Amino acid sequence: MRGGRQMILLAGAAGQLGSAVYRVLRKEYGTDFRCIDIKSDKLEAYKQEGVETFAIDLAKGEGLDEPLKGVKAVISVVGLQKETPELTYMDVDYGANKNLLDASIKEGVEHFSYVSALQTAKDAPRKVHRAKWLMEEELRKSPIKYTIFRPSGFFTDFIYYFGKKCKEEDTFTIIGDGNMKIQPINIDELAYCLVKAHQTPAAYNKVFPVGGPEVITLNELIEFYAMFFNKEIKIRHIPMWLMKFLATITFNKLISKDFLVRLETDSVCDISEIKEAFQIEFTSLKDYIRNFDWSKV
């Protein structure tokens, strides 16, 4: 590589977080890194910019020798947004990442950054968190230096859905009492930490909860949007017991028990350790909302 920098491989490059990491890598490394994903259309755009790309289904674990050749640091943001009958969290959040880790060990990779999630635990109520826990365990027992990030939600989730609806409508419906606490993060700041992890000894073999600097409830978020847009927004609450009942109806495709568990669980954490390790100050959600270009929504 130019300047003696280590070759980096970004896995899951076509997704929302992967795209953010890609932007940081382009700024820091030019085109001296590689990308893999199953989505070849987005990879084609990266290829046009001069970045080496590989369309690979990590769940199958094949074809990894070439993209990993000479790689010293792997960044994996690979994860499944929603299960299907054909593909589960165990297949992707655990299986696909384990295939990548096994191949990385074989090829002599020195550092592996992995994006897990808050509430990840062996006995977590949500399947995705149990799958991510198994992948974390694989990293903990591997010979590779690792850094695990457990992020809260991203600002974009609370802009393009919550913010858009509050901008356009006078009512907002929340499942449950709306007192669930959130601590979302700027996706670009998480991407920065992911790119810097392999060069940050204080991050080696560590698990970092990641969130923004402020904690807010869903009710408080809607109230802030009402003030920001200078309008009255009525909050409607759907009882959680009703939604749980509806989730038991087999023909209801819009509601899952897993999703409802998410709405009942606070998503907050202590960010002091990651701030110290990466010498970073995180942006608050309210400041992000104030400075956001709302013509995009």
C-alpha atoms as a PDB file:
ATOM      1  CA  MET A   1       0.000   0.000   0.000  1.00  0.00           C
ATOM      2  CA  ARG A   2       1.062   3.569  -0.534  1.00  0.00           C
ATOM      3  CA  GLY A   3       2.721   5.155   2.465  1.00  0.00           C
ATOM      4  CA  GLY A   4       3.152   1.772   4.182  1.00  0.00           C
ATOM      5  CA  ARG A   5      -0.421   1.689   5.429  1.00  0.00           C
ATOM      6  CA  GLN A   6      -2.082  -1.651   6.081  1.00  0.00           C
ATOM      7  CA  MET A   7      -4.582  -3.058   3.604  1.00  0.00           C
ATOM      8  CA  ILE A   8      -8.139  -2.980   4.981  1.00  0.00           C
ATOM      9  CA  LEU A   9     -11.126  -5.067   3.917  1.00  0.00           C
ATOM     10  CA  LEU A  10     -14.627  -3.680   4.505  1.00  0.00           C
ATOM     11  CA  ALA A  11     -17.352  -6.338   4.646  1.00  0.00           C
ATOM     12  CA  GLY A  12     -20.972  -5.259   4.281  1.00  0.00           C
ATOM     13  CA  ALA A  13     -19.909  -2.206   2.295  1.00  0.00           C
ATOM     14  CA  ALA A  14     -23.230  -1.641   0.519  1.00  0.00           C
ATOM     15  CA  GLY A  15     -25.453  -1.088   3.556  1.00  0.00           C
ATOM     16  CA  GLN A  16     -26.172   2.102   5.471  1.00  0.00           C
ATOM     17  CA  LEU A  17     -23.323   1.734   7.966  1.00  0.00           C
ATOM     18  CA  GLY A  18     -21.064   0.176   5.348  1.00  0.00           C
ATOM     19  CA  SER A  19     -21.547   3.206   3.110  1.00  0.00           C
ATOM     20  CA  ALA A  20     -20.586   5.499   6.001  1.00  0.00           C
ATOM     21  CA  VAL A  21     -17.437   3.469   6.676  1.00  0.00           C
ATOM     22  CA  TYR A  22     -16.670   3.538   2.959  1.00  0.00           C
ATOM     23  CA  ARG A  23     -16.781   7.342   2.969  1.00  0.00           C
ATOM     24  CA  VAL A  24     -14.299   7.511   5.852  1.00  0.00           C
ATOM     25  CA  LEU A  25     -12.001   5.002   4.169  1.00  0.00           C
ATOM     26  CA  ARG A  26     -12.080   6.977   0.923  1.00  0.00           C
ATOM     27  CA  LYS A  27     -11.062  10.096   2.827  1.00  0.00           C
ATOM     28  CA  GLU A  28      -8.335   8.359   4.822  1.00  0.00           C
ATOM     29  CA  TYR A  29      -7.045   5.778   2.333  1.00  0.00           C
ATOM     30  CA  GLY A  30      -8.014   6.984  -1.124  1.00  0.00           C
ATOM     31  CA  THR A  31      -8.672   3.757  -3.011  1.00  0.00           C
ATOM     32  CA  ASP A  32      -6.216   1.598  -1.046  1.00  0.00           C
ATOM     33  CA  PHE A  33      -8.764  -0.736   0.515  1.00  0.00           C
ATOM     34  CA  ARG A  34     -11.191  -3.453  -0.568  1.00  0.00           C
ATOM     35  CA  CYS A  35     -14.931  -3.953  -0.259  1.00  0.00           C
ATOM     36  CA  ILE A  36     -17.114  -7.033  -0.247  1.00  0.00           C
ATOM     37  CA  ASP A  37     -20.883  -7.374  -0.138  1.00  0.00           C
ATOM     38  CA  ILE A  38     -23.616  -9.496  -1.633  1.00  0.00           C
ATOM     39  CA  LYS A  39     -25.138  -6.435  -3.360  1.00  0.00           C
ATOM     40  CA  SER A  40     -23.196  -6.093  -6.587  1.00  0.00           C
ATOM     41  CA  ASP A  41     -25.035  -2.975  -7.843  1.00  0.00           C
ATOM     42  CA  LYS A  42     -23.702  -0.736  -5.052  1.00  0.00           C
ATOM     43  CA  LEU A  43     -20.276  -2.310  -5.391  1.00  0.00           C
ATOM     44  CA  GLU A  44     -20.235  -1.319  -9.044  1.00  0.00           C
ATOM     45  CA  ALA A  45     -20.400   2.347  -8.028  1.00  0.00           C
ATOM     46  CA  TYR A  46     -17.434   1.810  -5.699  1.00  0.00           C
ATOM     47  CA  LYS A  47     -15.559   0.038  -8.466  1.00  0.00           C
ATOM     48  CA  GLN A  48     -16.096   3.017 -10.753  1.00  0.00           C
ATOM     49  CA  GLU A  49     -14.299   5.138  -8.140  1.00  0.00           C
ATOM     50  CA  GLY A  50     -11.270   2.851  -8.337  1.00  0.00           C
ATOM     51  CA  VAL A  51     -11.857   0.701  -5.246  1.00  0.00           C
ATOM     52  CA  GLU A  52     -11.325  -3.047  -5.548  1.00  0.00           C
ATOM     53  CA  THR A  53     -14.615  -4.854  -4.893  1.00  0.00           C
ATOM     54  CA  PHE A  54     -15.876  -8.421  -4.591  1.00  0.00           C
ATOM     55  CA  ALA A  55     -19.489  -9.624  -4.732  1.00  0.00           C
ATOM     56  CA  ILE A  56     -19.546 -12.460  -2.199  1.00  0.00           C
ATOM     57  CA  ASP A  57     -22.240 -14.235  -0.195  1.00  0.00           C
ATOM     58  CA  LEU A  58     -20.523 -14.541   3.173  1.00  0.00           C
ATOM     59  CA  ALA A  59     -23.209 -16.919   4.429  1.00  0.00           C
ATOM     60  CA  LYS A  60     -21.769 -19.469   1.991  1.00  0.00           C
ATOM     61  CA  GLY A  61     -18.199 -18.666   3.007  1.00  0.00           C
ATOM     62  CA  GLU A  62     -16.699 -19.164  -0.437  1.00  0.00           C
ATOM     63  CA  GLY A  63     -14.299 -17.070  -2.500  1.00  0.00           C
ATOM     64  CA  LEU A  64     -12.595 -15.206   0.355  1.00  0.00           C
ATOM     65  CA  ASP A  65      -8.974 -16.054  -0.419  1.00  0.00           C
ATOM     66  CA  GLU A  66      -8.491 -13.333  -3.035  1.00  0.00           C
ATOM     67  CA  PRO A  67     -10.146 -10.393  -1.209  1.00  0.00           C
ATOM     68  CA  LEU A  68      -8.259 -11.265   2.002  1.00  0.00           C
ATOM     69  CA  LYS A  69      -4.849 -11.650   0.376  1.00  0.00           C
ATOM     70  CA  GLY A  70      -2.446  -9.248   2.091  1.00  0.00           C
ATOM     71  CA  VAL A  71      -5.180  -7.783   4.306  1.00  0.00           C
ATOM     72  CA  LYS A  72      -4.129  -6.873   7.855  1.00  0.00           C
ATOM     73  CA  ALA A  73      -7.378  -5.344   9.163  1.00  0.00           C
ATOM     74  CA  VAL A  74     -10.988  -6.390   8.577  1.00  0.00           C
ATOM     75  CA  ILE A  75     -14.025  -4.225   9.333  1.00  0.00           C
ATOM     76  CA  SER A  76     -17.276  -6.190   9.371  1.00  0.00           C
ATOM     77  CA  VAL A  77     -20.621  -4.415   9.505  1.00  0.00           C
ATOM     78  CA  VAL A  78     -22.387  -7.494   8.135  1.00  0.00           C
ATOM     79  CA  GLY A  79     -25.818  -8.035   9.665  1.00  0.00           C
ATOM     80  CA  LEU A  80     -29.354  -8.982   8.712  1.00  0.00           C
ATOM     81  CA  GLN A  81     -32.042  -6.321   9.047  1.00  0.00           C
ATOM     82  CA  LYS A  82     -34.945  -8.764   9.069  1.00  0.00           C
ATOM     83  CA  GLU A  83     -35.235 -12.531   9.037  1.00  0.00           C
ATOM     84  CA  THR A  84     -36.867 -14.381   6.152  1.00  0.00           C
ATOM     85  CA  PRO A  85     -37.818 -18.059   5.814  1.00  0.00           C
ATOM     86  CA  GLU A  86     -34.624 -18.484   3.772  1.00  0.00           C
ATOM     87  CA  LEU A  87     -32.209 -16.429   5.882  1.00  0.00           C
ATOM     88  CA  THR A  88     -31.938 -16.054   9.664  1.00  0.00           C
ATOM     89  CA  TYR A  89     -29.890 -13.998  12.100  1.00  0.00           C
ATOM     90  CA  MET A  90     -27.905 -17.141  12.861  1.00  0.00           C
ATOM     91  CA  ASP A  91     -27.095 -17.482   9.162  1.00  0.00           C
ATOM     92  CA  VAL A  92     -25.808 -13.920   8.801  1.00  0.00           C
ATOM     93  CA  ASP A  93     -25.015 -12.151  12.085  1.00  0.00           C
ATOM     94  CA  TYR A  94     -23.263 -15.282  13.326  1.00  0.00           C
ATOM     95  CA  GLY A  95     -22.606 -17.620  10.387  1.00  0.00           C
ATOM     96  CA  ALA A  96     -21.520 -15.130   7.724  1.00  0.00           C
ATOM     97  CA  ASN A  97     -19.270 -13.259  10.148  1.00  0.00           C
ATOM     98  CA  LYS A  98     -17.756 -16.492  11.451  1.00  0.00           C
ATOM     99  CA  ASN A  99     -16.946 -17.542   7.892  1.00  0.00           C
ATOM    100  CA  LEU A 100     -15.179 -14.207   7.422  1.00  0.00           C
ATOM    101  CA  LEU A 101     -13.319 -14.567  10.720  1.00  0.00           C
ATOM    102  CA  ASP A 102     -12.184 -18.122   9.940  1.00  0.00           C
ATOM    103  CA  ALA A 103     -10.880 -17.026   6.541  1.00  0.00           C
ATOM    104  CA  SER A 104      -9.207 -13.993   8.144  1.00  0.00           C
ATOM    105  CA  ILE A 105      -7.348 -16.206  10.616  1.00  0.00           C
ATOM    106  CA  LYS A 106      -6.206 -18.427   7.764  1.00  0.00           C
ATOM    107  CA  GLU A 107      -4.912 -15.443   5.767  1.00  0.00           C
ATOM    108  CA  GLY A 108      -3.018 -13.860   8.671  1.00  0.00           C
ATOM    109  CA  VAL A 109      -5.278 -10.868   9.371  1.00  0.00           C
ATOM    110  CA  GLU A 110      -4.087  -9.015  12.482  1.00  0.00           C
ATOM    111  CA  HIS A 111      -7.184  -7.067  13.565  1.00  0.00           C
ATOM    112  CA  PHE A 112     -10.933  -7.632  13.203  1.00  0.00           C
ATOM    113  CA  SER A 113     -13.520  -4.936  13.964  1.00  0.00           C
ATOM    114  CA  TYR A 114     -17.078  -6.173  14.390  1.00  0.00           C
ATOM    115  CA  VAL A 115     -20.367  -4.308  14.799  1.00  0.00           C
ATOM    116  CA  SER A 116     -22.589  -6.005  17.350  1.00  0.00           C
ATOM    117  CA  ALA A 117     -25.447  -4.217  19.166  1.00  0.00           C
ATOM    118  CA  LEU A 118     -26.560  -2.998  22.566  1.00  0.00           C
ATOM    119  CA  GLN A 119     -28.358  -5.651  24.627  1.00  0.00           C
ATOM    120  CA  THR A 120     -26.257  -8.389  23.039  1.00  0.00           C
ATOM    121  CA  ALA A 121     -25.988 -11.245  25.536  1.00  0.00           C
ATOM    122  CA  LYS A 122     -26.006 -15.037  25.692  1.00  0.00           C
ATOM    123  CA  ASP A 123     -29.557 -15.111  27.073  1.00  0.00           C
ATOM    124  CA  ALA A 124     -30.882 -11.966  25.334  1.00  0.00           C
ATOM    125  CA  PRO A 125     -34.625 -12.033  24.525  1.00  0.00           C
ATOM    126  CA  ARG A 126     -34.061 -11.036  20.880  1.00  0.00           C
ATOM    127  CA  LYS A 127     -32.691 -13.595  18.439  1.00  0.00           C
ATOM    128  CA  VAL A 128     -30.443 -11.100  16.694  1.00  0.00           C
ATOM    129  CA  HIS A 129     -28.651 -10.322  19.953  1.00  0.00           C
ATOM    130  CA  ARG A 130     -28.128 -14.003  20.736  1.00  0.00           C
ATOM    131  CA  ALA A 131     -26.641 -14.519  17.267  1.00  0.00           C
ATOM    132  CA  LYS A 132     -24.338 -11.526  17.699  1.00  0.00           C
ATOM    133  CA  TRP A 133     -23.266 -12.836  21.108  1.00  0.00           C
ATOM    134  CA  LEU A 134     -22.087 -16.068  19.509  1.00  0.00           C
ATOM    135  CA  MET A 135     -20.010 -14.073  17.033  1.00  0.00           C
ATOM    136  CA  GLU A 136     -18.545 -12.016  19.859  1.00  0.00           C
ATOM    137  CA  GLU A 137     -17.558 -15.269  21.565  1.00  0.00           C
ATOM    138  CA  GLU A 138     -15.796 -16.440  18.403  1.00  0.00           C
ATOM    139  CA  LEU A 139     -13.750 -13.238  18.410  1.00  0.00           C
ATOM    140  CA  ARG A 140     -12.922 -13.500  22.097  1.00  0.00           C
ATOM    141  CA  LYS A 141     -11.419 -16.968  21.644  1.00  0.00           C
ATOM    142  CA  SER A 142      -9.692 -16.204  18.323  1.00  0.00           C
ATOM    143  CA  PRO A 143      -5.951 -15.434  17.961  1.00  0.00           C
ATOM    144  CA  ILE A 144      -6.752 -12.131  16.206  1.00  0.00           C
ATOM    145  CA  LYS A 145      -6.829  -8.782  17.970  1.00  0.00           C
ATOM    146  CA  TYR A 146     -10.409  -7.532  17.865  1.00  0.00           C
ATOM    147  CA  THR A 147     -12.600  -4.554  18.644  1.00  0.00           C
ATOM    148  CA  ILE A 148     -16.338  -5.026  19.160  1.00  0.00           C
ATOM    149  CA  PHE A 149     -18.747  -2.107  18.874  1.00  0.00           C
ATOM    150  CA  ARG A 150     -22.241  -2.295  20.359  1.00  0.00           C
ATOM    151  CA  PRO A 151     -24.095   0.718  18.940  1.00  0.00           C
ATOM    152  CA  SER A 152     -27.468   2.135  19.830  1.00  0.00           C
ATOM    153  CA  GLY A 153     -29.697   3.339  16.977  1.00  0.00           C
ATOM    154  CA  PHE A 154     -28.507   5.784  14.325  1.00  0.00           C
ATOM    155  CA  PHE A 155     -29.612   9.398  13.914  1.00  0.00           C
ATOM    156  CA  THR A 156     -30.874   8.583  10.423  1.00  0.00           C
ATOM    157  CA  ASP A 157     -33.529   6.269  11.883  1.00  0.00           C
ATOM    158  CA  PHE A 158     -34.919   9.168  13.887  1.00  0.00           C
ATOM    159  CA  ILE A 159     -34.664  11.649  11.013  1.00  0.00           C
ATOM    160  CA  TYR A 160     -36.057   9.845   7.985  1.00  0.00           C
ATOM    161  CA  TYR A 161     -38.949   8.196   9.834  1.00  0.00           C
ATOM    162  CA  PHE A 162     -39.695  10.125  13.020  1.00  0.00           C
ATOM    163  CA  GLY A 163     -38.613  13.503  11.697  1.00  0.00           C
ATOM    164  CA  LYS A 164     -40.286  13.099   8.317  1.00  0.00           C
ATOM    165  CA  LYS A 165     -43.634  12.141   9.858  1.00  0.00           C
ATOM    166  CA  CYS A 166     -43.456  14.974  12.376  1.00  0.00           C
ATOM    167  CA  LYS A 167     -42.660  17.431   9.594  1.00  0.00           C
ATOM    168  CA  GLU A 168     -45.558  16.271   7.410  1.00  0.00           C
ATOM    169  CA  GLU A 169     -48.268  15.240   9.896  1.00  0.00           C
ATOM    170  CA  ASP A 170     -49.966  16.525  13.042  1.00  0.00           C
ATOM    171  CA  THR A 171     -50.205  13.182  14.846  1.00  0.00           C
ATOM    172  CA  PHE A 172     -47.624  10.540  15.670  1.00  0.00           C
ATOM    173  CA  THR A 173     -48.430   6.994  16.766  1.00  0.00           C
ATOM    174  CA  ILE A 174     -46.174   5.217  19.248  1.00  0.00           C
ATOM    175  CA  ILE A 175     -46.489   1.577  20.257  1.00  0.00           C
ATOM    176  CA  GLY A 176     -46.422   1.366  24.049  1.00  0.00           C
ATOM    177  CA  ASP A 177     -46.204   4.240  26.518  1.00  0.00           C
ATOM    178  CA  GLY A 178     -43.412   6.070  24.671  1.00  0.00           C
ATOM    179  CA  ASN A 179     -41.107   6.059  27.688  1.00  0.00           C
ATOM    180  CA  MET A 180     -38.504   3.785  26.115  1.00  0.00           C
ATOM    181  CA  LYS A 181     -35.136   5.549  26.379  1.00  0.00           C
ATOM    182  CA  ILE A 182     -32.914   5.939  23.336  1.00  0.00           C
ATOM    183  CA  GLN A 183     -29.362   7.219  22.891  1.00  0.00           C
ATOM    184  CA  PRO A 184     -28.750   7.273  19.124  1.00  0.00           C
ATOM    185  CA  ILE A 185     -25.418   8.030  17.491  1.00  0.00           C
ATOM    186  CA  ASN A 186     -24.222   9.841  14.407  1.00  0.00           C
ATOM    187  CA  ILE A 187     -23.444   7.005  11.982  1.00  0.00           C
ATOM    188  CA  ASP A 188     -20.435   8.885  10.593  1.00  0.00           C
ATOM    189  CA  GLU A 189     -18.851   9.061  14.043  1.00  0.00           C
ATOM    190  CA  LEU A 190     -19.253   5.312  14.540  1.00  0.00           C
ATOM    191  CA  ALA A 191     -17.733   4.805  11.081  1.00  0.00           C
ATOM    192  CA  TYR A 192     -14.736   6.922  12.118  1.00  0.00           C
ATOM    193  CA  CYS A 193     -14.138   4.699  15.168  1.00  0.00           C
ATOM    194  CA  LEU A 194     -14.412   1.560  13.048  1.00  0.00           C
ATOM    195  CA  VAL A 195     -11.756   2.810  10.646  1.00  0.00           C
ATOM    196  CA  LYS A 196      -9.415   3.912  13.454  1.00  0.00           C
ATOM    197  CA  ALA A 197      -9.770   0.799  15.638  1.00  0.00           C
ATOM    198  CA  HIS A 198      -6.909  -1.218  14.110  1.00  0.00           C
ATOM    199  CA  GLN A 199      -4.552   1.725  14.785  1.00  0.00           C
ATOM    200  CA  THR A 200      -5.778   2.278  18.341  1.00  0.00           C
ATOM    201  CA  PRO A 201      -4.069  -0.022  20.896  1.00  0.00           C
ATOM    202  CA  ALA A 202      -6.499   1.162  23.591  1.00  0.00           C
ATOM    203  CA  ALA A 203      -9.259  -0.470  21.521  1.00  0.00           C
ATOM    204  CA  TYR A 204      -7.634  -3.879  21.160  1.00  0.00           C
ATOM    205  CA  ASN A 205      -9.645  -6.788  22.572  1.00  0.00           C
ATOM    206  CA  LYS A 206     -12.305  -4.439  23.903  1.00  0.00           C
ATOM    207  CA  VAL A 207     -16.094  -4.269  23.698  1.00  0.00           C
ATOM    208  CA  PHE A 208     -17.394  -0.715  23.387  1.00  0.00           C
ATOM    209  CA  PRO A 209     -21.017   0.301  23.955  1.00  0.00           C
ATOM    210  CA  VAL A 210     -21.652   3.203  21.578  1.00  0.00           C
ATOM    211  CA  GLY A 211     -24.297   5.905  21.829  1.00  0.00           C
ATOM    212  CA  GLY A 212     -24.754   9.625  21.597  1.00  0.00           C
ATOM    213  CA  PRO A 213     -24.186  12.075  24.471  1.00  0.00           C
ATOM    214  CA  GLU A 214     -27.871  12.433  25.390  1.00  0.00           C
ATOM    215  CA  VAL A 215     -30.653  10.092  26.496  1.00  0.00           C
ATOM    216  CA  ILE A 216     -34.196  10.863  25.384  1.00  0.00           C
ATOM    217  CA  THR A 217     -37.539   9.042  25.399  1.00  0.00           C
ATOM    218  CA  LEU A 218     -39.674   8.597  22.301  1.00  0.00           C
ATOM    219  CA  ASN A 219     -42.279  10.931  23.793  1.00  0.00           C
ATOM    220  CA  GLU A 220     -39.619  13.579  24.425  1.00  0.00           C
ATOM    221  CA  LEU A 221     -38.325  13.202  20.870  1.00  0.00           C
ATOM    222  CA  ILE A 222     -41.758  13.907  19.383  1.00  0.00           C
ATOM    223  CA  GLU A 223     -42.178  16.865  21.737  1.00  0.00           C
ATOM    224  CA  PHE A 224     -38.817  18.223  20.570  1.00  0.00           C
ATOM    225  CA  TYR A 225     -39.849  17.857  16.924  1.00  0.00           C
ATOM    226  CA  ALA A 226     -43.078  19.730  17.677  1.00  0.00           C
ATOM    227  CA  MET A 227     -41.049  22.596  19.121  1.00  0.00           C
ATOM    228  CA  PHE A 228     -38.509  22.457  16.287  1.00  0.00           C
ATOM    229  CA  PHE A 229     -41.151  22.542  13.540  1.00  0.00           C
ATOM    230  CA  ASN A 230     -43.205  25.061  15.538  1.00  0.00           C
ATOM    231  CA  LYS A 231     -46.392  23.030  15.392  1.00  0.00           C
ATOM    232  CA  GLU A 232     -48.624  20.936  17.614  1.00  0.00           C
ATOM    233  CA  ILE A 233     -48.165  17.183  17.268  1.00  0.00           C
ATOM    234  CA  LYS A 234     -50.569  14.866  19.042  1.00  0.00           C
ATOM    235  CA  ILE A 235     -49.007  11.638  20.297  1.00  0.00           C
ATOM    236  CA  ARG A 236     -51.202   8.555  20.095  1.00  0.00           C
ATOM    237  CA  HIS A 237     -50.231   5.447  22.045  1.00  0.00           C
ATOM    238  CA  ILE A 238     -51.212   1.918  21.057  1.00  0.00           C
ATOM    239  CA  PRO A 239     -51.207  -0.387  24.109  1.00  0.00           C
ATOM    240  CA  MET A 240     -48.379  -2.905  24.048  1.00  0.00           C
ATOM    241  CA  TRP A 241     -50.718  -5.719  25.108  1.00  0.00           C
ATOM    242  CA  LEU A 242     -52.808  -5.143  21.993  1.00  0.00           C
ATOM    243  CA  MET A 243     -49.775  -5.256  19.717  1.00  0.00           C
ATOM    244  CA  LYS A 244     -48.558  -8.451  21.378  1.00  0.00           C
ATOM    245  CA  PHE A 245     -51.952 -10.011  20.739  1.00  0.00           C
ATOM    246  CA  LEU A 246     -51.841  -8.954  17.084  1.00  0.00           C
ATOM    247  CA  ALA A 247     -48.337 -10.391  16.788  1.00  0.00           C
ATOM    248  CA  THR A 248     -49.729 -13.829  17.636  1.00  0.00           C
ATOM    249  CA  ILE A 249     -52.020 -13.757  14.595  1.00  0.00           C
ATOM    250  CA  THR A 250     -50.176 -15.719  11.957  1.00  0.00           C
ATOM    251  CA  PHE A 251     -51.445 -13.708   9.001  1.00  0.00           C
ATOM    252  CA  ASN A 252     -50.149 -10.439  10.451  1.00  0.00           C
ATOM    253  CA  LYS A 253     -46.929  -9.817   8.501  1.00  0.00           C
ATOM    254  CA  LEU A 254     -46.232  -6.310   9.808  1.00  0.00           C
ATOM    255  CA  ILE A 255     -45.635  -7.054  13.483  1.00  0.00           C
ATOM    256  CA  SER A 256     -43.131  -9.431  15.051  1.00  0.00           C
ATOM    257  CA  LYS A 257     -42.605 -10.350  18.685  1.00  0.00           C
ATOM    258  CA  ASP A 258     -38.925  -9.531  18.202  1.00  0.00           C
ATOM    259  CA  PHE A 259     -39.800  -5.988  17.120  1.00  0.00           C
ATOM    260  CA  LEU A 260     -42.066  -5.494  20.139  1.00  0.00           C
ATOM    261  CA  VAL A 261     -39.334  -6.646  22.515  1.00  0.00           C
ATOM    262  CA  ARG A 262     -37.153  -3.950  20.973  1.00  0.00           C
ATOM    263  CA  LEU A 263     -39.799  -1.308  21.720  1.00  0.00           C
ATOM    264  CA  GLU A 264     -39.942  -2.366  25.373  1.00  0.00           C
ATOM    265  CA  THR A 265     -36.178  -2.203  25.919  1.00  0.00           C
ATOM    266  CA  ASP A 266     -34.192   0.935  26.717  1.00  0.00           C
ATOM    267  CA  SER A 267     -31.256   1.461  24.352  1.00  0.00           C
ATOM    268  CA  VAL A 268     -28.785   3.385  26.509  1.00  0.00           C
ATOM    269  CA  CYS A 269     -25.173   2.941  27.571  1.00  0.00           C
ATOM    270  CA  ASP A 270     -22.075   4.463  29.179  1.00  0.00           C
ATOM    271  CA  ILE A 271     -19.898   5.984  26.442  1.00  0.00           C
ATOM    272  CA  SER A 272     -17.009   7.188  28.603  1.00  0.00           C
ATOM    273  CA  GLU A 273     -14.701   4.318  27.623  1.00  0.00           C
ATOM    274  CA  ILE A 274     -15.051   4.742  23.854  1.00  0.00           C
ATOM    275  CA  LYS A 275     -14.669   8.518  24.140  1.00  0.00           C
ATOM    276  CA  GLU A 276     -11.384   8.070  25.978  1.00  0.00           C
ATOM    277  CA  ALA A 277     -10.042   5.340  23.685  1.00  0.00           C
ATOM    278  CA  PHE A 278     -10.738   7.248  20.461  1.00  0.00           C
ATOM    279  CA  GLN A 279     -10.451  10.791  21.846  1.00  0.00           C
ATOM    280  CA  ILE A 280     -13.806  11.686  20.323  1.00  0.00           C
ATOM    281  CA  GLU A 281     -16.767  13.832  21.297  1.00  0.00           C
ATOM    282  CA  PHE A 282     -20.091  12.621  19.926  1.00  0.00           C
ATOM    283  CA  THR A 283     -22.754  14.861  18.398  1.00  0.00           C
ATOM    284  CA  SER A 284     -26.111  15.107  20.176  1.00  0.00           C
ATOM    285  CA  LEU A 285     -29.289  14.135  18.342  1.00  0.00           C
ATOM    286  CA  LYS A 286     -30.890  17.518  18.994  1.00  0.00           C
ATOM    287  CA  ASP A 287     -27.909  19.376  17.537  1.00  0.00           C
ATOM    288  CA  TYR A 288     -27.971  17.071  14.523  1.00  0.00           C
ATOM    289  CA  ILE A 289     -31.675  17.788  14.003  1.00  0.00           C
ATOM    290  CA  ARG A 290     -31.075  21.540  14.263  1.00  0.00           C
ATOM    291  CA  ASN A 291     -28.301  21.441  11.651  1.00  0.00           C
ATOM    292  CA  PHE A 292     -29.866  18.871   9.312  1.00  0.00           C
ATOM    293  CA  ASP A 293     -30.869  19.891   5.778  1.00  0.00           C
ATOM    294  CA  TRP A 294     -34.609  19.242   5.978  1.00  0.00           C
ATOM    295  CA  SER A 295     -35.057  19.867   2.271  1.00  0.00           C
ATOM    296  CA  LYS A 296     -33.752  16.306   1.861  1.00  0.00           C
ATOM    297  CA  VAL A 297     -36.757  14.849   3.693  1.00  0.00           C
END
